[in-house]
Amino acid sequence: MRVLLTVLAWLAAVLVAHAAEWQTYANDRYGYTIELPPGFTMQRAPGNGDGGTFLAKNGDRILVFGTFLVDVFFDEEAANRITQAKKDGWKISYSRVKPEWASYSGTRGDRILYVRGIWLCEDAATFLQLEYRKQDLKTYDMIIKRMVASLKPAGCPQ
């Protein structure tokens, strides 16, 4: 029975990750695009056009946003964000920072944090941040793979 449930959970994750209802979010201010999974609704878009916050009914959250790199290179910005996540109580268990991209993840209580950032042109970067329940880890593996693959520069910031 346990094997059957595992197979069904994996199949559900694959179906969700490849469902046709995914939406493309484009940010003209910073020049990036990303695909968002079904079931998430934009809650707020800042007036300055930095990005958006998307929530699922169960409380899972996706943030996508751009930022200008002021007096730092992209890898320094990413390292600063990892340090801040630790200060915010996240136990970071994985981090990889390169000059053009970074990923890190960790846990806090029953929640998982995953962040991916990429360097854009003209001293700007974009970050994808997901926060979701530990029990949904396998489902989010496929979702995260698709989102990371879809996070792309789409021109220079305006």
N, C-alpha and C. Protein backbone atom coordinates (compact mmCIF):
# COMPACT_ATOMS: atom_id res chain seq x y z
N MET A 1 0.82 -1.20 0.00
CA MET A 1 0.00 0.00 0.00
C MET A 1 0.87 1.26 0.00
N ARG A 2 1.94 1.22 0.79
CA ARG A 2 2.82 2.39 0.87
C ARG A 2 3.48 2.67 -0.47
N VAL A 3 3.88 1.60 -1.18
CA VAL A 3 4.49 1.77 -2.50
C VAL A 3 3.48 2.39 -3.47
N LEU A 4 2.25 1.93 -3.41
CA LEU A 4 1.20 2.47 -4.28
C LEU A 4 0.99 3.95 -4.02
N LEU A 5 0.94 4.34 -2.75
CA LEU A 5 0.76 5.76 -2.41
C LEU A 5 1.95 6.60 -2.90
N THR A 6 3.16 6.04 -2.78
CA THR A 6 4.34 6.76 -3.26
C THR A 6 4.28 6.95 -4.77
N VAL A 7 3.89 5.90 -5.48
CA VAL A 7 3.77 5.99 -6.94
C VAL A 7 2.70 7.00 -7.33
N LEU A 8 1.57 6.99 -6.63
CA LEU A 8 0.50 7.94 -6.92
C LEU A 8 0.93 9.37 -6.64
N ALA A 9 1.67 9.59 -5.55
CA ALA A 9 2.16 10.94 -5.24
C ALA A 9 3.12 11.41 -6.32
N TRP A 10 4.00 10.52 -6.78
CA TRP A 10 4.94 10.87 -7.83
C TRP A 10 4.19 11.20 -9.13
N LEU A 11 3.22 10.39 -9.47
CA LEU A 11 2.43 10.62 -10.68
C LEU A 11 1.70 11.95 -10.59
N ALA A 12 1.12 12.26 -9.43
CA ALA A 12 0.43 13.55 -9.25
C ALA A 12 1.41 14.70 -9.43
N ALA A 13 2.63 14.56 -8.90
CA ALA A 13 3.64 15.61 -9.05
C ALA A 13 3.99 15.83 -10.51
N VAL A 14 4.15 14.75 -11.26
CA VAL A 14 4.48 14.86 -12.68
C VAL A 14 3.35 15.54 -13.43
N LEU A 15 2.12 15.16 -13.14
CA LEU A 15 0.97 15.77 -13.82
C LEU A 15 0.85 17.25 -13.50
N VAL A 16 1.06 17.63 -12.25
CA VAL A 16 0.99 19.04 -11.87
C VAL A 16 2.09 19.83 -12.57
N ALA A 17 3.30 19.27 -12.57
CA ALA A 17 4.44 19.98 -13.15
C ALA A 17 4.29 20.18 -14.65
N HIS A 18 3.55 19.30 -15.32
CA HIS A 18 3.41 19.40 -16.77
C HIS A 18 2.02 19.84 -17.21
N ALA A 19 1.22 20.28 -16.30
CA ALA A 19 -0.15 20.69 -16.64
C ALA A 19 -0.12 21.92 -17.55
N ALA A 20 -1.13 22.03 -18.38
CA ALA A 20 -1.20 23.11 -19.36
C ALA A 20 -1.58 24.45 -18.73
N GLU A 21 -2.04 24.46 -17.50
CA GLU A 21 -2.53 25.69 -16.88
C GLU A 21 -1.42 26.60 -16.35
N TRP A 22 -0.18 26.25 -16.56
CA TRP A 22 0.89 27.11 -16.10
C TRP A 22 0.78 28.46 -16.81
N GLN A 23 1.13 29.53 -16.08
CA GLN A 23 1.07 30.88 -16.63
C GLN A 23 2.48 31.45 -16.72
N THR A 24 2.71 32.31 -17.68
CA THR A 24 3.99 33.01 -17.77
C THR A 24 3.82 34.39 -17.16
N TYR A 25 4.69 34.69 -16.21
CA TYR A 25 4.74 36.02 -15.60
C TYR A 25 5.93 36.74 -16.22
N ALA A 26 5.72 37.92 -16.73
CA ALA A 26 6.78 38.73 -17.33
C ALA A 26 6.92 40.03 -16.55
N ASN A 27 8.15 40.41 -16.26
CA ASN A 27 8.41 41.65 -15.56
C ASN A 27 9.22 42.56 -16.48
N ASP A 28 8.58 43.62 -16.94
CA ASP A 28 9.23 44.55 -17.88
C ASP A 28 10.27 45.44 -17.20
N ARG A 29 10.04 45.77 -15.94
CA ARG A 29 10.97 46.69 -15.27
C ARG A 29 12.37 46.08 -15.17
N TYR A 30 12.44 44.81 -14.78
CA TYR A 30 13.74 44.16 -14.62
C TYR A 30 14.11 43.26 -15.79
N GLY A 31 13.16 42.94 -16.63
CA GLY A 31 13.44 42.15 -17.81
C GLY A 31 13.64 40.67 -17.55
N TYR A 32 12.62 40.00 -17.00
CA TYR A 32 12.69 38.56 -16.81
C TYR A 32 11.30 37.96 -16.99
N THR A 33 11.29 36.65 -17.25
CA THR A 33 10.04 35.88 -17.32
C THR A 33 10.20 34.61 -16.51
N ILE A 34 9.06 34.07 -16.07
CA ILE A 34 9.04 32.82 -15.33
C ILE A 34 7.67 32.18 -15.49
N GLU A 35 7.62 30.87 -15.49
CA GLU A 35 6.36 30.15 -15.52
C GLU A 35 5.93 29.88 -14.09
N LEU A 36 4.62 30.07 -13.84
CA LEU A 36 4.05 29.85 -12.51
C LEU A 36 3.06 28.69 -12.57
N PRO A 37 3.07 27.82 -11.57
CA PRO A 37 2.19 26.65 -11.59
C PRO A 37 0.73 27.03 -11.34
N PRO A 38 -0.18 26.14 -11.73
CA PRO A 38 -1.60 26.39 -11.47
C PRO A 38 -1.86 26.40 -9.96
N GLY A 39 -2.92 27.07 -9.57
CA GLY A 39 -3.32 27.09 -8.17
C GLY A 39 -2.77 28.25 -7.36
N PHE A 40 -1.98 29.09 -7.98
CA PHE A 40 -1.42 30.26 -7.29
C PHE A 40 -2.05 31.52 -7.86
N THR A 41 -2.44 32.41 -6.97
CA THR A 41 -3.10 33.65 -7.35
C THR A 41 -2.26 34.83 -6.88
N MET A 42 -2.07 35.82 -7.76
CA MET A 42 -1.31 37.00 -7.35
C MET A 42 -2.06 37.73 -6.24
N GLN A 43 -1.35 38.00 -5.16
CA GLN A 43 -1.93 38.68 -4.02
C GLN A 43 -1.67 40.18 -4.06
N ARG A 44 -0.49 40.50 -4.49
CA ARG A 44 -0.15 41.91 -4.55
C ARG A 44 1.01 42.11 -5.51
N ALA A 45 0.97 43.20 -6.17
CA ALA A 45 2.08 43.61 -7.03
C ALA A 45 2.51 44.98 -6.53
N PRO A 46 3.77 45.12 -6.13
CA PRO A 46 4.20 46.42 -5.64
C PRO A 46 4.04 47.50 -6.70
N GLY A 47 3.76 48.69 -6.27
CA GLY A 47 3.58 49.80 -7.19
C GLY A 47 4.81 50.11 -8.01
N ASN A 48 5.99 49.71 -7.52
CA ASN A 48 7.22 50.02 -8.23
C ASN A 48 7.56 48.99 -9.31
N GLY A 49 6.75 47.93 -9.46
CA GLY A 49 6.96 46.96 -10.53
C GLY A 49 8.07 45.96 -10.28
N ASP A 50 8.44 45.74 -9.02
CA ASP A 50 9.53 44.81 -8.71
C ASP A 50 9.18 43.35 -8.98
N GLY A 51 7.92 42.95 -8.79
CA GLY A 51 7.54 41.55 -8.96
C GLY A 51 6.16 41.29 -8.40
N GLY A 52 5.99 40.13 -7.80
CA GLY A 52 4.68 39.80 -7.25
C GLY A 52 4.75 38.68 -6.23
N THR A 53 3.69 38.59 -5.43
CA THR A 53 3.52 37.53 -4.45
C THR A 53 2.32 36.71 -4.89
N PHE A 54 2.50 35.39 -4.96
CA PHE A 54 1.46 34.49 -5.40
C PHE A 54 1.20 33.47 -4.29
N LEU A 55 -0.07 33.29 -3.94
CA LEU A 55 -0.44 32.36 -2.86
C LEU A 55 -1.32 31.25 -3.36
N ALA A 56 -1.13 30.07 -2.76
CA ALA A 56 -2.04 28.95 -2.98
C ALA A 56 -3.02 28.91 -1.82
N LYS A 57 -4.13 28.22 -1.98
CA LYS A 57 -5.15 28.16 -0.94
C LYS A 57 -4.62 27.54 0.35
N ASN A 58 -3.62 26.66 0.26
CA ASN A 58 -3.08 26.01 1.46
C ASN A 58 -2.01 26.84 2.16
N GLY A 59 -1.72 28.05 1.66
CA GLY A 59 -0.75 28.92 2.30
C GLY A 59 0.64 28.89 1.67
N ASP A 60 0.86 28.01 0.71
CA ASP A 60 2.15 28.00 0.02
C ASP A 60 2.31 29.34 -0.72
N ARG A 61 3.57 29.77 -0.83
CA ARG A 61 3.81 31.12 -1.34
C ARG A 61 4.96 31.12 -2.35
N ILE A 62 4.77 31.89 -3.40
CA ILE A 62 5.82 32.14 -4.39
C ILE A 62 6.02 33.64 -4.48
N LEU A 63 7.26 34.07 -4.36
CA LEU A 63 7.62 35.46 -4.60
C LEU A 63 8.56 35.49 -5.79
N VAL A 64 8.31 36.40 -6.71
CA VAL A 64 9.25 36.65 -7.81
C VAL A 64 9.49 38.15 -7.81
N PHE A 65 10.75 38.53 -7.88
CA PHE A 65 11.05 39.96 -7.80
C PHE A 65 12.42 40.25 -8.40
N GLY A 66 12.58 41.47 -8.81
CA GLY A 66 13.86 41.94 -9.29
C GLY A 66 14.45 42.92 -8.30
N THR A 67 15.75 43.10 -8.41
CA THR A 67 16.44 44.05 -7.56
C THR A 67 17.65 44.59 -8.32
N PHE A 68 17.97 45.85 -8.07
CA PHE A 68 19.18 46.41 -8.63
C PHE A 68 20.34 46.10 -7.69
N LEU A 69 21.47 45.76 -8.25
CA LEU A 69 22.67 45.45 -7.48
C LEU A 69 23.42 46.74 -7.23
N VAL A 70 23.36 47.23 -6.01
CA VAL A 70 23.97 48.50 -5.65
C VAL A 70 25.26 48.22 -4.89
N ASP A 71 26.38 48.55 -5.50
CA ASP A 71 27.70 48.39 -4.89
C ASP A 71 28.06 46.95 -4.55
N VAL A 72 27.41 45.96 -5.18
CA VAL A 72 27.76 44.55 -4.97
C VAL A 72 27.63 43.81 -6.30
N PHE A 73 28.38 42.74 -6.41
CA PHE A 73 28.21 41.83 -7.53
C PHE A 73 27.09 40.85 -7.19
N PHE A 74 26.60 40.14 -8.19
CA PHE A 74 25.48 39.22 -7.97
C PHE A 74 25.79 38.20 -6.88
N ASP A 75 26.98 37.59 -6.91
CA ASP A 75 27.28 36.56 -5.91
C ASP A 75 27.30 37.11 -4.49
N GLU A 76 27.69 38.37 -4.33
CA GLU A 76 27.65 39.00 -3.00
C GLU A 76 26.21 39.23 -2.55
N GLU A 77 25.36 39.66 -3.48
CA GLU A 77 23.94 39.85 -3.18
C GLU A 77 23.32 38.53 -2.72
N ALA A 78 23.62 37.45 -3.44
CA ALA A 78 23.08 36.14 -3.08
C ALA A 78 23.58 35.71 -1.70
N ALA A 79 24.85 35.89 -1.43
CA ALA A 79 25.41 35.53 -0.13
C ALA A 79 24.74 36.34 0.99
N ASN A 80 24.48 37.61 0.73
CA ASN A 80 23.79 38.46 1.72
C ASN A 80 22.38 37.93 1.99
N ARG A 81 21.70 37.47 0.96
CA ARG A 81 20.34 36.94 1.12
C ARG A 81 20.35 35.63 1.92
N ILE A 82 21.37 34.81 1.73
CA ILE A 82 21.50 33.58 2.52
C ILE A 82 21.71 33.93 3.99
N THR A 83 22.58 34.89 4.24
CA THR A 83 22.83 35.34 5.62
C THR A 83 21.54 35.86 6.25
N GLN A 84 20.76 36.64 5.50
CA GLN A 84 19.50 37.17 6.03
C GLN A 84 18.50 36.05 6.30
N ALA A 85 18.45 35.06 5.42
CA ALA A 85 17.54 33.92 5.65
C ALA A 85 17.88 33.22 6.96
N LYS A 86 19.16 33.05 7.23
CA LYS A 86 19.58 32.43 8.50
C LYS A 86 19.16 33.29 9.68
N LYS A 87 19.32 34.60 9.56
CA LYS A 87 18.90 35.51 10.63
C LYS A 87 17.39 35.44 10.85
N ASP A 88 16.64 35.15 9.77
CA ASP A 88 15.19 35.04 9.85
C ASP A 88 14.74 33.68 10.40
N GLY A 89 15.69 32.84 10.77
CA GLY A 89 15.36 31.56 11.39
C GLY A 89 15.34 30.36 10.47
N TRP A 90 15.72 30.53 9.22
CA TRP A 90 15.78 29.40 8.30
C TRP A 90 17.08 28.63 8.53
N LYS A 91 16.98 27.31 8.62
CA LYS A 91 18.16 26.45 8.71
C LYS A 91 18.53 26.07 7.28
N ILE A 92 19.53 26.75 6.74
CA ILE A 92 19.92 26.56 5.35
C ILE A 92 20.76 25.28 5.26
N SER A 93 20.26 24.33 4.48
CA SER A 93 20.93 23.04 4.34
C SER A 93 21.65 22.89 2.99
N TYR A 94 21.34 23.75 2.04
CA TYR A 94 21.97 23.70 0.73
C TYR A 94 22.14 25.12 0.23
N SER A 95 23.32 25.40 -0.31
CA SER A 95 23.53 26.69 -1.00
C SER A 95 24.64 26.52 -2.02
N ARG A 96 24.41 27.13 -3.14
CA ARG A 96 25.42 27.16 -4.20
C ARG A 96 25.33 28.53 -4.85
N VAL A 97 26.44 29.23 -4.83
CA VAL A 97 26.48 30.59 -5.36
C VAL A 97 27.56 30.68 -6.42
N LYS A 98 27.15 31.13 -7.59
CA LYS A 98 28.04 31.34 -8.73
C LYS A 98 27.94 32.80 -9.15
N PRO A 99 28.84 33.29 -9.97
CA PRO A 99 28.76 34.70 -10.39
C PRO A 99 27.47 35.06 -11.12
N GLU A 100 26.81 34.08 -11.78
CA GLU A 100 25.62 34.40 -12.57
C GLU A 100 24.33 33.79 -12.04
N TRP A 101 24.40 32.90 -11.05
CA TRP A 101 23.19 32.30 -10.49
C TRP A 101 23.48 31.80 -9.08
N ALA A 102 22.41 31.60 -8.34
CA ALA A 102 22.53 31.06 -6.99
C ALA A 102 21.26 30.31 -6.63
N SER A 103 21.41 29.29 -5.80
CA SER A 103 20.28 28.55 -5.25
C SER A 103 20.57 28.25 -3.80
N TYR A 104 19.54 28.29 -2.98
CA TYR A 104 19.69 27.83 -1.60
C TYR A 104 18.33 27.37 -1.09
N SER A 105 18.40 26.49 -0.09
CA SER A 105 17.16 25.98 0.50
C SER A 105 17.40 25.63 1.95
N GLY A 106 16.29 25.55 2.67
CA GLY A 106 16.37 25.22 4.08
C GLY A 106 14.99 25.02 4.67
N THR A 107 14.97 24.83 5.97
CA THR A 107 13.72 24.57 6.67
C THR A 107 13.58 25.48 7.89
N ARG A 108 12.34 25.67 8.26
CA ARG A 108 12.00 26.38 9.50
C ARG A 108 10.68 25.76 9.95
N GLY A 109 10.73 25.01 11.04
CA GLY A 109 9.53 24.31 11.49
C GLY A 109 9.10 23.30 10.44
N ASP A 110 7.83 23.36 10.04
CA ASP A 110 7.32 22.42 9.04
C ASP A 110 7.30 23.02 7.63
N ARG A 111 8.09 24.07 7.41
CA ARG A 111 8.12 24.75 6.12
C ARG A 111 9.48 24.57 5.44
N ILE A 112 9.45 24.61 4.12
CA ILE A 112 10.66 24.55 3.31
C ILE A 112 10.77 25.85 2.52
N LEU A 113 11.98 26.35 2.44
CA LEU A 113 12.29 27.54 1.65
C LEU A 113 13.20 27.12 0.51
N TYR A 114 12.88 27.56 -0.70
CA TYR A 114 13.77 27.37 -1.84
C TYR A 114 13.89 28.70 -2.56
N VAL A 115 15.12 29.10 -2.86
CA VAL A 115 15.36 30.37 -3.56
C VAL A 115 16.32 30.12 -4.72
N ARG A 116 15.98 30.72 -5.85
CA ARG A 116 16.86 30.71 -7.02
C ARG A 116 16.98 32.15 -7.50
N GLY A 117 18.18 32.57 -7.76
CA GLY A 117 18.41 33.91 -8.29
C GLY A 117 19.27 33.83 -9.53
N ILE A 118 19.06 34.77 -10.44
CA ILE A 118 19.91 34.87 -11.62
C ILE A 118 20.31 36.32 -11.83
N TRP A 119 21.50 36.49 -12.33
CA TRP A 119 22.01 37.82 -12.67
C TRP A 119 21.40 38.22 -14.00
N LEU A 120 20.95 39.45 -14.07
CA LEU A 120 20.44 40.04 -15.31
C LEU A 120 21.45 41.09 -15.78
N CYS A 121 21.23 41.65 -16.92
CA CYS A 121 22.16 42.69 -17.39
C CYS A 121 21.95 43.99 -16.61
N GLU A 122 22.89 44.90 -16.79
CA GLU A 122 22.79 46.24 -16.20
C GLU A 122 22.67 46.23 -14.68
N ASP A 123 23.45 45.39 -14.03
CA ASP A 123 23.51 45.37 -12.56
C ASP A 123 22.15 45.13 -11.91
N ALA A 124 21.44 44.16 -12.41
CA ALA A 124 20.15 43.78 -11.84
C ALA A 124 20.10 42.26 -11.69
N ALA A 125 19.24 41.81 -10.81
CA ALA A 125 19.06 40.38 -10.58
C ALA A 125 17.58 40.11 -10.35
N THR A 126 17.21 38.86 -10.53
CA THR A 126 15.86 38.44 -10.20
C THR A 126 15.93 37.22 -9.30
N PHE A 127 14.96 37.12 -8.41
CA PHE A 127 14.91 36.00 -7.47
C PHE A 127 13.52 35.37 -7.48
N LEU A 128 13.53 34.06 -7.39
CA LEU A 128 12.33 33.24 -7.21
C LEU A 128 12.43 32.66 -5.81
N GLN A 129 11.40 32.84 -5.01
CA GLN A 129 11.40 32.31 -3.65
C GLN A 129 10.12 31.54 -3.43
N LEU A 130 10.24 30.27 -3.05
CA LEU A 130 9.09 29.43 -2.73
C LEU A 130 9.14 29.05 -1.26
N GLU A 131 7.99 29.06 -0.63
CA GLU A 131 7.85 28.60 0.74
C GLU A 131 6.66 27.65 0.76
N TYR A 132 6.90 26.42 1.20
CA TYR A 132 5.84 25.41 1.15
C TYR A 132 6.00 24.40 2.29
N ARG A 133 5.00 23.55 2.46
CA ARG A 133 4.97 22.57 3.54
C ARG A 133 5.92 21.40 3.26
N LYS A 134 6.61 20.93 4.31
CA LYS A 134 7.52 19.80 4.16
C LYS A 134 6.83 18.59 3.56
N GLN A 135 5.59 18.38 3.93
CA GLN A 135 4.87 17.20 3.45
C GLN A 135 4.70 17.20 1.94
N ASP A 136 4.89 18.35 1.29
CA ASP A 136 4.72 18.46 -0.16
C ASP A 136 6.05 18.47 -0.91
N LEU A 137 7.12 18.05 -0.26
CA LEU A 137 8.46 18.10 -0.85
C LEU A 137 8.52 17.41 -2.21
N LYS A 138 8.02 16.20 -2.31
CA LYS A 138 8.10 15.46 -3.58
C LYS A 138 7.32 16.16 -4.69
N THR A 139 6.16 16.70 -4.37
CA THR A 139 5.37 17.42 -5.36
C THR A 139 6.14 18.64 -5.86
N TYR A 140 6.77 19.36 -4.95
CA TYR A 140 7.47 20.59 -5.34
C TYR A 140 8.78 20.34 -6.07
N ASP A 141 9.35 19.16 -5.95
CA ASP A 141 10.58 18.88 -6.70
C ASP A 141 10.37 19.13 -8.19
N MET A 142 9.29 18.61 -8.76
CA MET A 142 9.01 18.78 -10.19
C MET A 142 8.63 20.23 -10.51
N ILE A 143 7.88 20.84 -9.64
CA ILE A 143 7.46 22.23 -9.84
C ILE A 143 8.69 23.15 -9.86
N ILE A 144 9.57 22.96 -8.89
CA ILE A 144 10.77 23.79 -8.81
C ILE A 144 11.64 23.61 -10.05
N LYS A 145 11.81 22.39 -10.50
CA LYS A 145 12.62 22.16 -11.70
C LYS A 145 12.07 22.94 -12.89
N ARG A 146 10.77 22.91 -13.06
CA ARG A 146 10.17 23.63 -14.20
C ARG A 146 10.32 25.14 -14.02
N MET A 147 10.09 25.63 -12.81
CA MET A 147 10.19 27.07 -12.58
C MET A 147 11.63 27.57 -12.79
N VAL A 148 12.60 26.84 -12.26
CA VAL A 148 14.00 27.24 -12.41
C VAL A 148 14.39 27.26 -13.88
N ALA A 149 13.97 26.24 -14.63
CA ALA A 149 14.28 26.19 -16.06
C ALA A 149 13.63 27.35 -16.82
N SER A 150 12.50 27.82 -16.33
CA SER A 150 11.76 28.88 -17.03
C SER A 150 12.20 30.29 -16.63
N LEU A 151 12.93 30.44 -15.54
CA LEU A 151 13.37 31.77 -15.09
C LEU A 151 14.47 32.27 -16.02
N LYS A 152 14.13 33.26 -16.84
CA LYS A 152 15.04 33.71 -17.90
C LYS A 152 15.06 35.23 -18.01
N PRO A 153 16.23 35.78 -18.39
CA PRO A 153 16.28 37.19 -18.73
C PRO A 153 15.44 37.42 -19.99
N ALA A 154 14.81 38.56 -20.05
CA ALA A 154 13.98 38.90 -21.23
C ALA A 154 14.25 40.35 -21.63
N GLY A 155 15.50 40.71 -21.68
CA GLY A 155 15.86 42.09 -21.99
C GLY A 155 16.43 42.77 -20.77
N CYS A 156 17.00 43.93 -20.97
CA CYS A 156 17.60 44.67 -19.87
C CYS A 156 16.53 45.44 -19.10
N PRO A 157 16.79 45.70 -17.80
CA PRO A 157 15.83 46.48 -17.01
C PRO A 157 15.56 47.84 -17.64
N GLN A 158 14.34 48.30 -17.42
CA GLN A 158 13.95 49.61 -17.98
C GLN A 158 14.06 50.70 -16.95
